[in-house]
């Protein structure tokens, strides 16, 4: 293995890292669509709570994980 080969590997590795970094930064900059933002905030607020909590917050009719299926037909504001 000559030194040239080693240099080439280092350069390509560096380029790969920079490409990755650039891609990650582009992702960060891209504005999220409003629907995505709303959905993710609702998810953070309710989906990680125990089932009873989500129902209290009026998400009973919305389905989703952690909800008891017996409540799925209720109007959304029922407690």
N, C-alpha and C. Protein backbone atom coordinates (compact mmCIF):
# COMPACT_ATOMS: atom_id res chain seq x y z
N UNK A 1 0.86 -1.19 0.00
CA UNK A 1 0.00 0.00 0.00
C UNK A 1 0.90 1.24 0.00
N UNK A 2 0.80 2.03 -1.05
CA UNK A 2 1.65 3.23 -1.09
C UNK A 2 0.95 4.41 -0.42
N UNK A 3 1.74 5.45 -0.16
CA UNK A 3 1.22 6.59 0.61
C UNK A 3 0.11 7.30 -0.15
N UNK A 4 0.18 7.26 -1.48
CA UNK A 4 -0.83 7.94 -2.29
C UNK A 4 -2.22 7.37 -2.01
N UNK A 5 -2.27 6.05 -1.90
CA UNK A 5 -3.54 5.37 -1.63
C UNK A 5 -4.13 5.85 -0.30
N UNK A 6 -3.28 5.96 0.68
CA UNK A 6 -3.72 6.38 2.01
C UNK A 6 -4.28 7.80 1.95
N UNK A 7 -3.55 8.69 1.27
CA UNK A 7 -4.03 10.08 1.13
C UNK A 7 -5.39 10.11 0.46
N UNK A 8 -5.50 9.32 -0.60
CA UNK A 8 -6.76 9.30 -1.33
C UNK A 8 -7.91 8.89 -0.41
N UNK A 9 -7.66 7.84 0.39
CA UNK A 9 -8.70 7.38 1.32
C UNK A 9 -9.10 8.49 2.29
N UNK A 10 -8.09 9.18 2.83
CA UNK A 10 -8.40 10.25 3.78
C UNK A 10 -9.22 11.35 3.13
N UNK A 11 -8.83 11.72 1.90
CA UNK A 11 -9.55 12.78 1.20
C UNK A 11 -11.00 12.37 0.96
N UNK A 12 -11.17 11.15 0.48
CA UNK A 12 -12.54 10.74 0.16
C UNK A 12 -13.38 10.65 1.42
N UNK A 13 -12.75 10.21 2.53
CA UNK A 13 -13.48 10.13 3.78
C UNK A 13 -13.92 11.53 4.22
N UNK A 14 -12.98 12.48 4.07
CA UNK A 14 -13.30 13.86 4.45
C UNK A 14 -14.44 14.40 3.59
N UNK A 15 -14.37 14.12 2.28
CA UNK A 15 -15.44 14.58 1.38
C UNK A 15 -16.78 13.99 1.79
N UNK A 16 -16.75 12.71 2.13
CA UNK A 16 -17.99 12.03 2.53
C UNK A 16 -18.57 12.70 3.77
N UNK A 17 -17.69 12.99 4.76
CA UNK A 17 -18.15 13.65 5.98
C UNK A 17 -18.78 15.00 5.67
N UNK A 18 -18.10 15.77 4.80
CA UNK A 18 -18.62 17.09 4.47
C UNK A 18 -19.97 16.99 3.77
N UNK A 19 -20.10 16.01 2.88
CA UNK A 19 -21.37 15.81 2.19
C UNK A 19 -22.48 15.54 3.19
N UNK A 20 -22.16 14.65 4.15
CA UNK A 20 -23.14 14.29 5.17
C UNK A 20 -23.55 15.52 5.97
N UNK A 21 -22.54 16.30 6.38
CA UNK A 21 -22.79 17.48 7.20
C UNK A 21 -23.67 18.46 6.44
N UNK A 22 -23.34 18.67 5.15
CA UNK A 22 -24.10 19.61 4.34
C UNK A 22 -25.55 19.15 4.23
N UNK A 23 -25.74 17.86 3.99
CA UNK A 23 -27.09 17.32 3.86
C UNK A 23 -27.88 17.53 5.14
N UNK A 24 -27.22 17.27 6.29
CA UNK A 24 -27.89 17.43 7.57
C UNK A 24 -28.31 18.88 7.79
N UNK A 25 -27.41 19.81 7.43
CA UNK A 25 -27.73 21.22 7.61
C UNK A 25 -28.87 21.65 6.69
N UNK A 26 -28.88 21.12 5.48
CA UNK A 26 -29.97 21.46 4.55
C UNK A 26 -31.30 21.01 5.14
N UNK A 27 -31.30 19.81 5.71
CA UNK A 27 -32.52 19.28 6.31
C UNK A 27 -33.02 20.21 7.41
N UNK A 28 -32.07 20.69 8.24
CA UNK A 28 -32.44 21.57 9.35
C UNK A 28 -33.08 22.85 8.83
N UNK A 29 -32.51 23.40 7.75
CA UNK A 29 -32.96 24.70 7.25
C UNK A 29 -34.34 24.63 6.61
N UNK A 30 -34.66 23.47 6.02
CA UNK A 30 -35.90 23.38 5.25
C UNK A 30 -37.09 23.62 6.17
N UNK A 31 -37.95 24.57 5.83
CA UNK A 31 -39.10 24.85 6.70
C UNK A 31 -40.07 23.69 6.69
N UNK A 32 -40.55 23.36 7.84
CA UNK A 32 -41.53 22.27 7.91
C UNK A 32 -42.88 22.79 7.46
N UNK A 33 -43.66 21.92 6.90
CA UNK A 33 -45.01 22.33 6.53
C UNK A 33 -45.84 22.41 7.81
N UNK A 34 -46.84 23.28 7.77
CA UNK A 34 -47.61 23.54 8.99
C UNK A 34 -48.24 22.25 9.51
N UNK A 35 -48.76 21.43 8.62
CA UNK A 35 -49.42 20.20 9.05
C UNK A 35 -48.44 19.31 9.81
N UNK A 36 -47.22 19.20 9.30
CA UNK A 36 -46.22 18.39 9.98
C UNK A 36 -45.96 18.92 11.37
N UNK A 37 -45.83 20.24 11.47
CA UNK A 37 -45.52 20.85 12.76
C UNK A 37 -46.64 20.57 13.75
N UNK A 38 -47.89 20.78 13.31
CA UNK A 38 -49.03 20.55 14.19
C UNK A 38 -49.08 19.09 14.63
N UNK A 39 -48.89 18.20 13.67
CA UNK A 39 -48.99 16.79 13.98
C UNK A 39 -47.92 16.41 15.00
N UNK A 40 -46.70 16.90 14.80
CA UNK A 40 -45.63 16.49 15.72
C UNK A 40 -45.87 17.07 17.10
N UNK A 41 -46.39 18.30 17.19
CA UNK A 41 -46.60 18.87 18.52
C UNK A 41 -47.74 18.14 19.22
N UNK A 42 -48.78 17.78 18.47
CA UNK A 42 -49.88 17.03 19.08
C UNK A 42 -49.36 15.68 19.55
N UNK A 43 -48.50 15.08 18.74
CA UNK A 43 -47.94 13.79 19.13
C UNK A 43 -47.17 13.94 20.43
N UNK A 44 -46.33 14.97 20.51
CA UNK A 44 -45.51 15.13 21.71
C UNK A 44 -46.39 15.38 22.92
N UNK A 45 -47.46 16.15 22.73
CA UNK A 45 -48.30 16.49 23.87
C UNK A 45 -49.07 15.28 24.38
N UNK A 46 -49.66 14.51 23.47
CA UNK A 46 -50.66 13.53 23.91
C UNK A 46 -50.23 12.08 23.77
N UNK A 47 -49.51 11.76 22.73
CA UNK A 47 -49.28 10.34 22.44
C UNK A 47 -48.45 9.66 23.51
N UNK A 48 -47.60 10.41 24.21
CA UNK A 48 -46.72 9.76 25.18
C UNK A 48 -47.34 9.70 26.56
N UNK A 49 -48.57 10.16 26.71
CA UNK A 49 -49.21 10.10 28.01
C UNK A 49 -49.97 8.80 28.13
N UNK A 50 -50.26 8.38 29.35
CA UNK A 50 -51.08 7.19 29.52
C UNK A 50 -52.46 7.39 28.88
N UNK A 51 -53.14 6.31 28.49
CA UNK A 51 -54.38 6.40 27.72
C UNK A 51 -55.42 7.35 28.30
N UNK A 52 -55.61 7.33 29.61
CA UNK A 52 -56.64 8.17 30.21
C UNK A 52 -56.39 9.64 29.97
N UNK A 53 -55.12 10.03 29.97
CA UNK A 53 -54.78 11.44 29.80
C UNK A 53 -55.17 11.93 28.42
N UNK A 54 -54.87 11.14 27.40
CA UNK A 54 -55.17 11.56 26.04
C UNK A 54 -56.67 11.76 25.88
N UNK A 55 -57.45 10.91 26.52
CA UNK A 55 -58.90 11.01 26.42
C UNK A 55 -59.36 12.30 27.10
N UNK A 56 -58.79 12.63 28.24
CA UNK A 56 -59.15 13.87 28.93
C UNK A 56 -58.92 15.08 28.05
N UNK A 57 -57.89 15.00 27.22
CA UNK A 57 -57.54 16.17 26.42
C UNK A 57 -58.34 16.25 25.14
N UNK A 58 -59.35 15.43 24.99
CA UNK A 58 -60.21 15.55 23.83
C UNK A 58 -59.64 14.89 22.59
N UNK A 59 -58.79 13.91 22.75
CA UNK A 59 -58.27 13.23 21.57
C UNK A 59 -58.93 11.87 21.39
N UNK A 60 -60.00 11.63 22.12
CA UNK A 60 -60.59 10.29 22.11
C UNK A 60 -61.04 9.89 20.71
N UNK A 61 -61.64 10.79 19.98
CA UNK A 61 -62.16 10.43 18.66
C UNK A 61 -61.10 10.43 17.59
N UNK A 62 -59.89 10.79 17.93
CA UNK A 62 -58.87 10.95 16.91
C UNK A 62 -58.10 9.66 16.65
N UNK A 63 -58.33 8.63 17.44
CA UNK A 63 -57.60 7.39 17.22
C UNK A 63 -56.15 7.54 17.63
N UNK A 64 -55.29 6.68 17.13
CA UNK A 64 -53.88 6.79 17.47
C UNK A 64 -53.52 5.81 18.55
N UNK A 65 -52.24 5.69 18.80
CA UNK A 65 -51.78 4.67 19.73
C UNK A 65 -52.11 5.05 21.16
N UNK A 66 -52.23 4.07 22.01
CA UNK A 66 -52.44 4.33 23.43
C UNK A 66 -53.87 4.64 23.79
N UNK A 67 -54.78 4.58 22.83
CA UNK A 67 -56.18 4.88 23.15
C UNK A 67 -56.97 3.58 23.22
N UNK A 68 -57.82 3.51 24.18
CA UNK A 68 -58.68 2.35 24.34
C UNK A 68 -59.70 2.35 23.20
N UNK A 69 -59.84 1.28 22.43
CA UNK A 69 -60.77 1.28 21.29
C UNK A 69 -62.22 1.51 21.70
N UNK A 70 -62.58 1.26 22.96
CA UNK A 70 -63.97 1.48 23.35
C UNK A 70 -64.32 2.96 23.33
N UNK A 71 -63.31 3.82 23.38
CA UNK A 71 -63.59 5.25 23.39
C UNK A 71 -63.52 5.86 22.01
N UNK A 72 -63.21 5.08 21.00
CA UNK A 72 -62.91 5.68 19.71
C UNK A 72 -64.16 6.28 19.04
N UNK A 73 -65.35 5.86 19.44
CA UNK A 73 -66.54 6.39 18.79
C UNK A 73 -67.11 7.61 19.51
N UNK A 74 -66.50 7.98 20.63
CA UNK A 74 -67.00 9.13 21.37
C UNK A 74 -66.74 10.42 20.61
N UNK A 75 -67.55 11.44 20.85
CA UNK A 75 -67.20 12.75 20.31
C UNK A 75 -65.89 13.21 20.95
N UNK A 76 -65.16 14.05 20.25
CA UNK A 76 -63.79 14.32 20.69
C UNK A 76 -63.71 15.04 22.03
N UNK A 77 -64.72 15.79 22.43
CA UNK A 77 -64.60 16.54 23.68
C UNK A 77 -65.15 15.78 24.89
N UNK A 78 -65.71 14.60 24.67
CA UNK A 78 -66.29 13.86 25.80
C UNK A 78 -65.19 13.44 26.76
N UNK A 79 -65.50 13.49 28.06
CA UNK A 79 -64.50 13.10 29.06
C UNK A 79 -65.03 11.89 29.84
